[in-house]
mmCIF file of all heavy atoms, coordinates in Angstrom:
data_MODEL
# 
_entry.id   MODEL 
# 
loop_
_atom_site.group_PDB 
_atom_site.id 
_atom_site.type_symbol 
_atom_site.label_atom_id 
_atom_site.label_alt_id 
_atom_site.label_comp_id 
_atom_site.label_asym_id 
_atom_site.label_entity_id 
_atom_site.label_seq_id 
_atom_site.pdbx_PDB_ins_code 
_atom_site.Cartn_x 
_atom_site.Cartn_y 
_atom_site.Cartn_z 
_atom_site.occupancy 
_atom_site.B_iso_or_equiv 
_atom_site.pdbx_formal_charge 
_atom_site.auth_seq_id 
_atom_site.auth_comp_id 
_atom_site.auth_asym_id 
_atom_site.auth_atom_id 
_atom_site.pdbx_PDB_model_num 
ATOM 1   N N   . LYS A 1 1  ? 24.155 83.525 13.775 1.00 0.00 ? 1  LYS A N   1 
ATOM 2   C CA  . LYS A 1 1  ? 24.655 84.012 15.054 1.00 0.00 ? 1  LYS A CA  1 
ATOM 3   C C   . LYS A 1 1  ? 24.960 82.794 15.910 1.00 0.00 ? 1  LYS A C   1 
ATOM 4   O O   . LYS A 1 1  ? 24.240 81.794 15.873 1.00 0.00 ? 1  LYS A O   1 
ATOM 5   C CB  . LYS A 1 1  ? 23.588 84.897 15.701 1.00 0.00 ? 1  LYS A CB  1 
ATOM 6   C CG  . LYS A 1 1  ? 23.949 85.442 17.071 1.00 0.00 ? 1  LYS A CG  1 
ATOM 7   C CD  . LYS A 1 1  ? 22.797 86.269 17.620 1.00 0.00 ? 1  LYS A CD  1 
ATOM 8   C CE  . LYS A 1 1  ? 23.043 86.685 19.047 1.00 0.00 ? 1  LYS A CE  1 
ATOM 9   N NZ  . LYS A 1 1  ? 24.181 87.623 19.168 1.00 0.00 ? 1  LYS A NZ  1 
ATOM 10  N N   . GLY A 1 2  ? 25.993 82.921 16.726 1.00 0.00 ? 2  GLY A N   1 
ATOM 11  C CA  . GLY A 1 2  ? 26.406 81.786 17.541 1.00 0.00 ? 2  GLY A CA  1 
ATOM 12  C C   . GLY A 1 2  ? 25.294 81.205 18.399 1.00 0.00 ? 2  GLY A C   1 
ATOM 13  O O   . GLY A 1 2  ? 25.194 79.987 18.582 1.00 0.00 ? 2  GLY A O   1 
ATOM 14  N N   . ALA A 1 3  ? 24.447 82.074 18.922 1.00 0.00 ? 3  ALA A N   1 
ATOM 15  C CA  . ALA A 1 3  ? 23.401 81.618 19.828 1.00 0.00 ? 3  ALA A CA  1 
ATOM 16  C C   . ALA A 1 3  ? 22.353 80.732 19.156 1.00 0.00 ? 3  ALA A C   1 
ATOM 17  O O   . ALA A 1 3  ? 21.616 80.015 19.839 1.00 0.00 ? 3  ALA A O   1 
ATOM 18  C CB  . ALA A 1 3  ? 22.713 82.824 20.456 1.00 0.00 ? 3  ALA A CB  1 
ATOM 19  N N   . VAL A 1 4  ? 22.272 80.782 17.819 1.00 0.00 ? 4  VAL A N   1 
ATOM 20  C CA  . VAL A 1 4  ? 21.261 79.980 17.125 1.00 0.00 ? 4  VAL A CA  1 
ATOM 21  C C   . VAL A 1 4  ? 21.875 78.917 16.220 1.00 0.00 ? 4  VAL A C   1 
ATOM 22  O O   . VAL A 1 4  ? 21.156 78.057 15.708 1.00 0.00 ? 4  VAL A O   1 
ATOM 23  C CB  . VAL A 1 4  ? 20.305 80.871 16.289 1.00 0.00 ? 4  VAL A CB  1 
ATOM 24  C CG1 . VAL A 1 4  ? 19.712 81.969 17.162 1.00 0.00 ? 4  VAL A CG1 1 
ATOM 25  C CG2 . VAL A 1 4  ? 20.995 81.450 15.073 1.00 0.00 ? 4  VAL A CG2 1 
ATOM 26  N N   . ARG A 1 5  ? 23.193 78.991 16.038 1.00 0.00 ? 5  ARG A N   1 
ATOM 27  C CA  . ARG A 1 5  ? 23.842 78.013 15.134 1.00 0.00 ? 5  ARG A CA  1 
ATOM 28  C C   . ARG A 1 5  ? 23.618 76.602 15.653 1.00 0.00 ? 5  ARG A C   1 
ATOM 29  O O   . ARG A 1 5  ? 23.751 76.311 16.839 1.00 0.00 ? 5  ARG A O   1 
ATOM 30  C CB  . ARG A 1 5  ? 25.325 78.313 15.026 1.00 0.00 ? 5  ARG A CB  1 
ATOM 31  C CG  . ARG A 1 5  ? 26.036 77.484 13.978 1.00 0.00 ? 5  ARG A CG  1 
ATOM 32  C CD  . ARG A 1 5  ? 27.503 77.865 13.845 1.00 0.00 ? 5  ARG A CD  1 
ATOM 33  N NE  . ARG A 1 5  ? 27.646 79.218 13.334 1.00 0.00 ? 5  ARG A NE  1 
ATOM 34  C CZ  . ARG A 1 5  ? 28.206 80.214 14.028 1.00 0.00 ? 5  ARG A CZ  1 
ATOM 35  N NH1 . ARG A 1 5  ? 28.672 79.997 15.250 1.00 0.00 ? 5  ARG A NH1 1 
ATOM 36  N NH2 . ARG A 1 5  ? 28.306 81.423 13.492 1.00 0.00 ? 5  ARG A NH2 1 
ATOM 37  N N   . GLY A 1 6  ? 23.245 75.728 14.737 1.00 0.00 ? 6  GLY A N   1 
ATOM 38  C CA  . GLY A 1 6  ? 22.973 74.348 15.107 1.00 0.00 ? 6  GLY A CA  1 
ATOM 39  C C   . GLY A 1 6  ? 21.530 74.091 15.501 1.00 0.00 ? 6  GLY A C   1 
ATOM 40  O O   . GLY A 1 6  ? 21.098 72.946 15.566 1.00 0.00 ? 6  GLY A O   1 
ATOM 41  N N   . ARG A 1 7  ? 20.779 75.162 15.765 1.00 0.00 ? 7  ARG A N   1 
ATOM 42  C CA  . ARG A 1 7  ? 19.373 75.009 16.117 1.00 0.00 ? 7  ARG A CA  1 
ATOM 43  C C   . ARG A 1 7  ? 18.457 75.595 15.038 1.00 0.00 ? 7  ARG A C   1 
ATOM 44  O O   . ARG A 1 7  ? 17.356 75.083 14.819 1.00 0.00 ? 7  ARG A O   1 
ATOM 45  C CB  . ARG A 1 7  ? 19.072 75.719 17.442 1.00 0.00 ? 7  ARG A CB  1 
ATOM 46  C CG  . ARG A 1 7  ? 19.849 75.203 18.631 1.00 0.00 ? 7  ARG A CG  1 
ATOM 47  C CD  . ARG A 1 7  ? 19.354 75.823 19.927 1.00 0.00 ? 7  ARG A CD  1 
ATOM 48  N NE  . ARG A 1 7  ? 19.546 77.277 19.963 1.00 0.00 ? 7  ARG A NE  1 
ATOM 49  C CZ  . ARG A 1 7  ? 18.560 78.153 20.155 1.00 0.00 ? 7  ARG A CZ  1 
ATOM 50  N NH1 . ARG A 1 7  ? 17.315 77.742 20.309 1.00 0.00 ? 7  ARG A NH1 1 
ATOM 51  N NH2 . ARG A 1 7  ? 18.826 79.457 20.197 1.00 0.00 ? 7  ARG A NH2 1 
ATOM 52  N N   . PHE A 1 8  ? 18.901 76.644 14.379 1.00 0.00 ? 8  PHE A N   1 
ATOM 53  C CA  . PHE A 1 8  ? 18.108 77.314 13.341 1.00 0.00 ? 8  PHE A CA  1 
ATOM 54  C C   . PHE A 1 8  ? 18.714 77.014 11.969 1.00 0.00 ? 8  PHE A C   1 
ATOM 55  O O   . PHE A 1 8  ? 19.925 76.918 11.816 1.00 0.00 ? 8  PHE A O   1 
ATOM 56  C CB  . PHE A 1 8  ? 18.096 78.821 13.554 1.00 0.00 ? 8  PHE A CB  1 
ATOM 57  C CG  . PHE A 1 8  ? 17.347 79.306 14.773 1.00 0.00 ? 8  PHE A CG  1 
ATOM 58  C CD1 . PHE A 1 8  ? 16.866 78.423 15.738 1.00 0.00 ? 8  PHE A CD1 1 
ATOM 59  C CD2 . PHE A 1 8  ? 17.122 80.658 14.958 1.00 0.00 ? 8  PHE A CD2 1 
ATOM 60  C CE1 . PHE A 1 8  ? 16.191 78.883 16.857 1.00 0.00 ? 8  PHE A CE1 1 
ATOM 61  C CE2 . PHE A 1 8  ? 16.436 81.138 16.069 1.00 0.00 ? 8  PHE A CE2 1 
ATOM 62  C CZ  . PHE A 1 8  ? 15.971 80.236 17.021 1.00 0.00 ? 8  PHE A CZ  1 
ATOM 63  N N   . THR A 1 9  ? 17.848 76.918 10.978 1.00 0.00 ? 9  THR A N   1 
ATOM 64  C CA  . THR A 1 9  ? 18.294 76.688 9.604  1.00 0.00 ? 9  THR A CA  1 
ATOM 65  C C   . THR A 1 9  ? 17.528 77.604 8.664  1.00 0.00 ? 9  THR A C   1 
ATOM 66  O O   . THR A 1 9  ? 16.292 77.620 8.668  1.00 0.00 ? 9  THR A O   1 
ATOM 67  C CB  . THR A 1 9  ? 18.059 75.235 9.173  1.00 0.00 ? 9  THR A CB  1 
ATOM 68  O OG1 . THR A 1 9  ? 18.741 74.350 10.081 1.00 0.00 ? 9  THR A OG1 1 
ATOM 69  C CG2 . THR A 1 9  ? 18.592 74.998 7.770  1.00 0.00 ? 9  THR A CG2 1 
ATOM 70  N N   . ILE A 1 10 ? 18.272 78.348 7.866  1.00 0.00 ? 10 ILE A N   1 
ATOM 71  C CA  . ILE A 1 10 ? 17.670 79.227 6.869  1.00 0.00 ? 10 ILE A CA  1 
ATOM 72  C C   . ILE A 1 10 ? 17.714 78.537 5.507  1.00 0.00 ? 10 ILE A C   1 
ATOM 73  O O   . ILE A 1 10 ? 18.671 77.841 5.194  1.00 0.00 ? 10 ILE A O   1 
ATOM 74  C CB  . ILE A 1 10 ? 18.389 80.595 6.826  1.00 0.00 ? 10 ILE A CB  1 
ATOM 75  C CG1 . ILE A 1 10 ? 17.624 81.598 5.975  1.00 0.00 ? 10 ILE A CG1 1 
ATOM 76  C CG2 . ILE A 1 10 ? 19.829 80.435 6.341  1.00 0.00 ? 10 ILE A CG2 1 
ATOM 77  C CD1 . ILE A 1 10 ? 18.173 83.027 6.077  1.00 0.00 ? 10 ILE A CD1 1 
ATOM 78  N N   . SER A 1 11 ? 16.665 78.723 4.729  1.00 0.00 ? 11 SER A N   1 
ATOM 79  C CA  . SER A 1 11 ? 16.617 78.130 3.397  1.00 0.00 ? 11 SER A CA  1 
ATOM 80  C C   . SER A 1 11 ? 15.705 78.986 2.522  1.00 0.00 ? 11 SER A C   1 
ATOM 81  O O   . SER A 1 11 ? 14.949 79.814 3.016  1.00 0.00 ? 11 SER A O   1 
ATOM 82  C CB  . SER A 1 11 ? 16.093 76.688 3.454  1.00 0.00 ? 11 SER A CB  1 
ATOM 83  O OG  . SER A 1 11 ? 14.758 76.662 3.957  1.00 0.00 ? 11 SER A OG  1 
ATOM 84  N N   . ARG A 1 12 ? 15.823 78.773 1.216  1.00 0.00 ? 12 ARG A N   1 
ATOM 85  C CA  . ARG A 1 12 ? 14.943 79.524 0.335  1.00 0.00 ? 12 ARG A CA  1 
ATOM 86  C C   . ARG A 1 12 ? 14.310 78.591 -0.686 1.00 0.00 ? 12 ARG A C   1 
ATOM 87  O O   . ARG A 1 12 ? 14.939 77.614 -1.121 1.00 0.00 ? 12 ARG A O   1 
ATOM 88  C CB  . ARG A 1 12 ? 15.658 80.684 -0.348 1.00 0.00 ? 12 ARG A CB  1 
ATOM 89  C CG  . ARG A 1 12 ? 16.634 80.365 -1.419 1.00 0.00 ? 12 ARG A CG  1 
ATOM 90  C CD  . ARG A 1 12 ? 16.973 81.618 -2.244 1.00 0.00 ? 12 ARG A CD  1 
ATOM 91  N NE  . ARG A 1 12 ? 17.944 82.498 -1.643 1.00 0.00 ? 12 ARG A NE  1 
ATOM 92  C CZ  . ARG A 1 12 ? 17.864 83.834 -1.667 1.00 0.00 ? 12 ARG A CZ  1 
ATOM 93  N NH1 . ARG A 1 12 ? 16.855 84.412 -2.249 1.00 0.00 ? 12 ARG A NH1 1 
ATOM 94  N NH2 . ARG A 1 12 ? 18.807 84.566 -1.126 1.00 0.00 ? 12 ARG A NH2 1 
ATOM 95  N N   . ASP A 1 13 ? 13.084 78.893 -1.045 1.00 0.00 ? 13 ASP A N   1 
ATOM 96  C CA  . ASP A 1 13 ? 12.351 78.176 -2.085 1.00 0.00 ? 13 ASP A CA  1 
ATOM 97  C C   . ASP A 1 13 ? 12.101 79.171 -3.206 1.00 0.00 ? 13 ASP A C   1 
ATOM 98  O O   . ASP A 1 13 ? 11.218 80.035 -3.087 1.00 0.00 ? 13 ASP A O   1 
ATOM 99  C CB  . ASP A 1 13 ? 11.038 77.625 -1.529 1.00 0.00 ? 13 ASP A CB  1 
ATOM 100 C CG  . ASP A 1 13 ? 10.302 76.742 -2.523 1.00 0.00 ? 13 ASP A CG  1 
ATOM 101 O OD1 . ASP A 1 13 ? 10.381 77.016 -3.747 1.00 0.00 ? 13 ASP A OD1 1 
ATOM 102 O OD2 . ASP A 1 13 ? 9.624  75.803 -2.081 1.00 0.00 ? 13 ASP A OD2 1 
ATOM 103 N N   . ILE A 1 14 ? 12.895 79.064 -4.258 1.00 0.00 ? 14 ILE A N   1 
ATOM 104 C CA  . ILE A 1 14 ? 12.809 80.038 -5.341 1.00 0.00 ? 14 ILE A CA  1 
ATOM 105 C C   . ILE A 1 14 ? 11.433 80.013 -5.996 1.00 0.00 ? 14 ILE A C   1 
ATOM 106 O O   . ILE A 1 14 ? 10.856 81.053 -6.303 1.00 0.00 ? 14 ILE A O   1 
ATOM 107 C CB  . ILE A 1 14 ? 13.915 79.785 -6.370 1.00 0.00 ? 14 ILE A CB  1 
ATOM 108 C CG1 . ILE A 1 14 ? 15.281 80.014 -5.732 1.00 0.00 ? 14 ILE A CG1 1 
ATOM 109 C CG2 . ILE A 1 14 ? 13.732 80.676 -7.601 1.00 0.00 ? 14 ILE A CG2 1 
ATOM 110 C CD1 . ILE A 1 14 ? 16.452 79.630 -6.604 1.00 0.00 ? 14 ILE A CD1 1 
ATOM 111 N N   . ALA A 1 15 ? 10.894 78.821 -6.205 1.00 0.00 ? 15 ALA A N   1 
ATOM 112 C CA  . ALA A 1 15 ? 9.594  78.700 -6.878 1.00 0.00 ? 15 ALA A CA  1 
ATOM 113 C C   . ALA A 1 15 ? 8.481  79.389 -6.104 1.00 0.00 ? 15 ALA A C   1 
ATOM 114 O O   . ALA A 1 15 ? 7.554  79.954 -6.692 1.00 0.00 ? 15 ALA A O   1 
ATOM 115 C CB  . ALA A 1 15 ? 9.259  77.231 -7.097 1.00 0.00 ? 15 ALA A CB  1 
ATOM 116 N N   . LYS A 1 16 ? 8.580  79.344 -4.774 1.00 0.00 ? 16 LYS A N   1 
ATOM 117 C CA  . LYS A 1 16 ? 7.558  79.968 -3.933 1.00 0.00 ? 16 LYS A CA  1 
ATOM 118 C C   . LYS A 1 16 ? 7.924  81.391 -3.532 1.00 0.00 ? 16 LYS A C   1 
ATOM 119 O O   . LYS A 1 16 ? 7.155  82.039 -2.824 1.00 0.00 ? 16 LYS A O   1 
ATOM 120 C CB  . LYS A 1 16 ? 7.310  79.119 -2.679 1.00 0.00 ? 16 LYS A CB  1 
ATOM 121 C CG  . LYS A 1 16 ? 6.724  77.758 -2.981 1.00 0.00 ? 16 LYS A CG  1 
ATOM 122 C CD  . LYS A 1 16 ? 6.428  76.996 -1.703 1.00 0.00 ? 16 LYS A CD  1 
ATOM 123 C CE  . LYS A 1 16 ? 5.768  75.642 -2.028 1.00 0.00 ? 16 LYS A CE  1 
ATOM 124 N NZ  . LYS A 1 16 ? 5.468  74.866 -0.795 1.00 0.00 ? 16 LYS A NZ  1 
ATOM 125 N N   . ASN A 1 17 ? 9.098  81.852 -3.968 1.00 0.00 ? 17 ASN A N   1 
ATOM 126 C CA  . ASN A 1 17 ? 9.569  83.189 -3.612 1.00 0.00 ? 17 ASN A CA  1 
ATOM 127 C C   . ASN A 1 17 ? 9.504  83.415 -2.105 1.00 0.00 ? 17 ASN A C   1 
ATOM 128 O O   . ASN A 1 17 ? 9.033  84.454 -1.619 1.00 0.00 ? 17 ASN A O   1 
ATOM 129 C CB  . ASN A 1 17 ? 8.753  84.267 -4.346 1.00 0.00 ? 17 ASN A CB  1 
ATOM 130 C CG  . ASN A 1 17 ? 9.573  85.523 -4.618 1.00 0.00 ? 17 ASN A CG  1 
ATOM 131 O OD1 . ASN A 1 17 ? 10.794 85.457 -4.798 1.00 0.00 ? 17 ASN A OD1 1 
ATOM 132 N ND2 . ASN A 1 17 ? 8.923  86.662 -4.646 1.00 0.00 ? 17 ASN A ND2 1 
ATOM 133 N N   . THR A 1 18 ? 10.003 82.440 -1.397 1.00 0.00 ? 18 THR A N   1 
ATOM 134 C CA  . THR A 1 18 ? 9.894  82.438 0.055  1.00 0.00 ? 18 THR A CA  1 
ATOM 135 C C   . THR A 1 18 ? 11.205 81.971 0.677  1.00 0.00 ? 18 THR A C   1 
ATOM 136 O O   . THR A 1 18 ? 11.873 81.089 0.144  1.00 0.00 ? 18 THR A O   1 
ATOM 137 C CB  . THR A 1 18 ? 8.749  81.509 0.504  1.00 0.00 ? 18 THR A CB  1 
ATOM 138 O OG1 . THR A 1 18 ? 7.507  81.985 -0.046 1.00 0.00 ? 18 THR A OG1 1 
ATOM 139 C CG2 . THR A 1 18 ? 8.634  81.463 2.018  1.00 0.00 ? 18 THR A CG2 1 
ATOM 140 N N   . VAL A 1 19 ? 11.539 82.578 1.790  1.00 0.00 ? 19 VAL A N   1 
ATOM 141 C CA  . VAL A 1 19 ? 12.676 82.151 2.598  1.00 0.00 ? 19 VAL A CA  1 
ATOM 142 C C   . VAL A 1 19 ? 12.134 81.682 3.938  1.00 0.00 ? 19 VAL A C   1 
ATOM 143 O O   . VAL A 1 19 ? 11.202 82.279 4.485  1.00 0.00 ? 19 VAL A O   1 
ATOM 144 C CB  . VAL A 1 19 ? 13.683 83.299 2.781  1.00 0.00 ? 19 VAL A CB  1 
ATOM 145 C CG1 . VAL A 1 19 ? 14.762 82.920 3.780  1.00 0.00 ? 19 VAL A CG1 1 
ATOM 146 C CG2 . VAL A 1 19 ? 14.312 83.653 1.440  1.00 0.00 ? 19 VAL A CG2 1 
ATOM 147 N N   . TYR A 1 20 ? 12.715 80.614 4.450  1.00 0.00 ? 20 TYR A N   1 
ATOM 148 C CA  . TYR A 1 20 ? 12.254 80.015 5.696  1.00 0.00 ? 20 TYR A CA  1 
ATOM 149 C C   . TYR A 1 20 ? 13.323 80.113 6.774  1.00 0.00 ? 20 TYR A C   1 
ATOM 150 O O   . TYR A 1 20 ? 14.520 80.163 6.488  1.00 0.00 ? 20 TYR A O   1 
ATOM 151 C CB  . TYR A 1 20 ? 11.903 78.545 5.474  1.00 0.00 ? 20 TYR A CB  1 
ATOM 152 C CG  . TYR A 1 20 ? 10.851 78.317 4.429  1.00 0.00 ? 20 TYR A CG  1 
ATOM 153 C CD1 . TYR A 1 20 ? 11.202 77.933 3.136  1.00 0.00 ? 20 TYR A CD1 1 
ATOM 154 C CD2 . TYR A 1 20 ? 9.509  78.484 4.720  1.00 0.00 ? 20 TYR A CD2 1 
ATOM 155 C CE1 . TYR A 1 20 ? 10.248 77.724 2.164  1.00 0.00 ? 20 TYR A CE1 1 
ATOM 156 C CE2 . TYR A 1 20 ? 8.534  78.275 3.754  1.00 0.00 ? 20 TYR A CE2 1 
ATOM 157 C CZ  . TYR A 1 20 ? 8.907  77.898 2.483  1.00 0.00 ? 20 TYR A CZ  1 
ATOM 158 O OH  . TYR A 1 20 ? 7.949  77.694 1.519  1.00 0.00 ? 20 TYR A OH  1 
ATOM 159 N N   . LEU A 1 21 ? 12.866 80.080 8.002  1.00 0.00 ? 21 LEU A N   1 
ATOM 160 C CA  . LEU A 1 21 ? 13.761 79.923 9.144  1.00 0.00 ? 21 LEU A CA  1 
ATOM 161 C C   . LEU A 1 21 ? 13.177 78.812 10.014 1.00 0.00 ? 21 LEU A C   1 
ATOM 162 O O   . LEU A 1 21 ? 12.157 79.012 10.681 1.00 0.00 ? 21 LEU A O   1 
ATOM 163 C CB  . LEU A 1 21 ? 13.902 81.206 9.936  1.00 0.00 ? 21 LEU A CB  1 
ATOM 164 C CG  . LEU A 1 21 ? 14.931 81.141 11.074 1.00 0.00 ? 21 LEU A CG  1 
ATOM 165 C CD1 . LEU A 1 21 ? 16.356 81.046 10.479 1.00 0.00 ? 21 LEU A CD1 1 
ATOM 166 C CD2 . LEU A 1 21 ? 14.835 82.351 11.994 1.00 0.00 ? 21 LEU A CD2 1 
ATOM 167 N N   . GLN A 1 22 ? 13.792 77.653 9.936  1.00 0.00 ? 22 GLN A N   1 
ATOM 168 C CA  . GLN A 1 22 ? 13.389 76.533 10.780 1.00 0.00 ? 22 GLN A CA  1 
ATOM 169 C C   . GLN A 1 22 ? 14.067 76.681 12.124 1.00 0.00 ? 22 GLN A C   1 
ATOM 170 O O   . GLN A 1 22 ? 15.301 76.758 12.182 1.00 0.00 ? 22 GLN A O   1 
ATOM 171 C CB  . GLN A 1 22 ? 13.782 75.201 10.128 1.00 0.00 ? 22 GLN A CB  1 
ATOM 172 C CG  . GLN A 1 22 ? 13.448 73.980 10.970 1.00 0.00 ? 22 GLN A CG  1 
ATOM 173 C CD  . GLN A 1 22 ? 11.948 73.773 11.117 1.00 0.00 ? 22 GLN A CD  1 
ATOM 174 O OE1 . GLN A 1 22 ? 11.205 73.896 10.148 1.00 0.00 ? 22 GLN A OE1 1 
ATOM 175 N NE2 . GLN A 1 22 ? 11.514 73.428 12.325 1.00 0.00 ? 22 GLN A NE2 1 
ATOM 176 N N   . MET A 1 23 ? 13.293 76.726 13.170 1.00 0.00 ? 23 MET A N   1 
ATOM 177 C CA  . MET A 1 23 ? 13.817 76.948 14.512 1.00 0.00 ? 23 MET A CA  1 
ATOM 178 C C   . MET A 1 23 ? 13.503 75.727 15.372 1.00 0.00 ? 23 MET A C   1 
ATOM 179 O O   . MET A 1 23 ? 12.332 75.423 15.620 1.00 0.00 ? 23 MET A O   1 
ATOM 180 C CB  . MET A 1 23 ? 13.204 78.208 15.128 1.00 0.00 ? 23 MET A CB  1 
ATOM 181 C CG  . MET A 1 23 ? 13.353 79.447 14.255 1.00 0.00 ? 23 MET A CG  1 
ATOM 182 S SD  . MET A 1 23 ? 12.843 80.968 15.066 1.00 0.00 ? 23 MET A SD  1 
ATOM 183 C CE  . MET A 1 23 ? 11.110 80.631 15.348 1.00 0.00 ? 23 MET A CE  1 
ATOM 184 N N   . ASN A 1 24 ? 14.534 75.045 15.797 1.00 0.00 ? 24 ASN A N   1 
ATOM 185 C CA  . ASN A 1 24 ? 14.403 73.862 16.638 1.00 0.00 ? 24 ASN A CA  1 
ATOM 186 C C   . ASN A 1 24 ? 15.016 74.118 18.003 1.00 0.00 ? 24 ASN A C   1 
ATOM 187 O O   . ASN A 1 24 ? 15.774 75.078 18.198 1.00 0.00 ? 24 ASN A O   1 
ATOM 188 C CB  . ASN A 1 24 ? 15.083 72.667 15.982 1.00 0.00 ? 24 ASN A CB  1 
ATOM 189 C CG  . ASN A 1 24 ? 14.473 72.309 14.647 1.00 0.00 ? 24 ASN A CG  1 
ATOM 190 O OD1 . ASN A 1 24 ? 13.276 72.488 14.406 1.00 0.00 ? 24 ASN A OD1 1 
ATOM 191 N ND2 . ASN A 1 24 ? 15.312 71.786 13.741 1.00 0.00 ? 24 ASN A ND2 1 
# 
């Protein structure tokens, strides 16, 4: 979403079966 682009980053770790949202 525009309001979070450039500040938030989504990623996934397949081995840990986890998705992250880094919020800066």
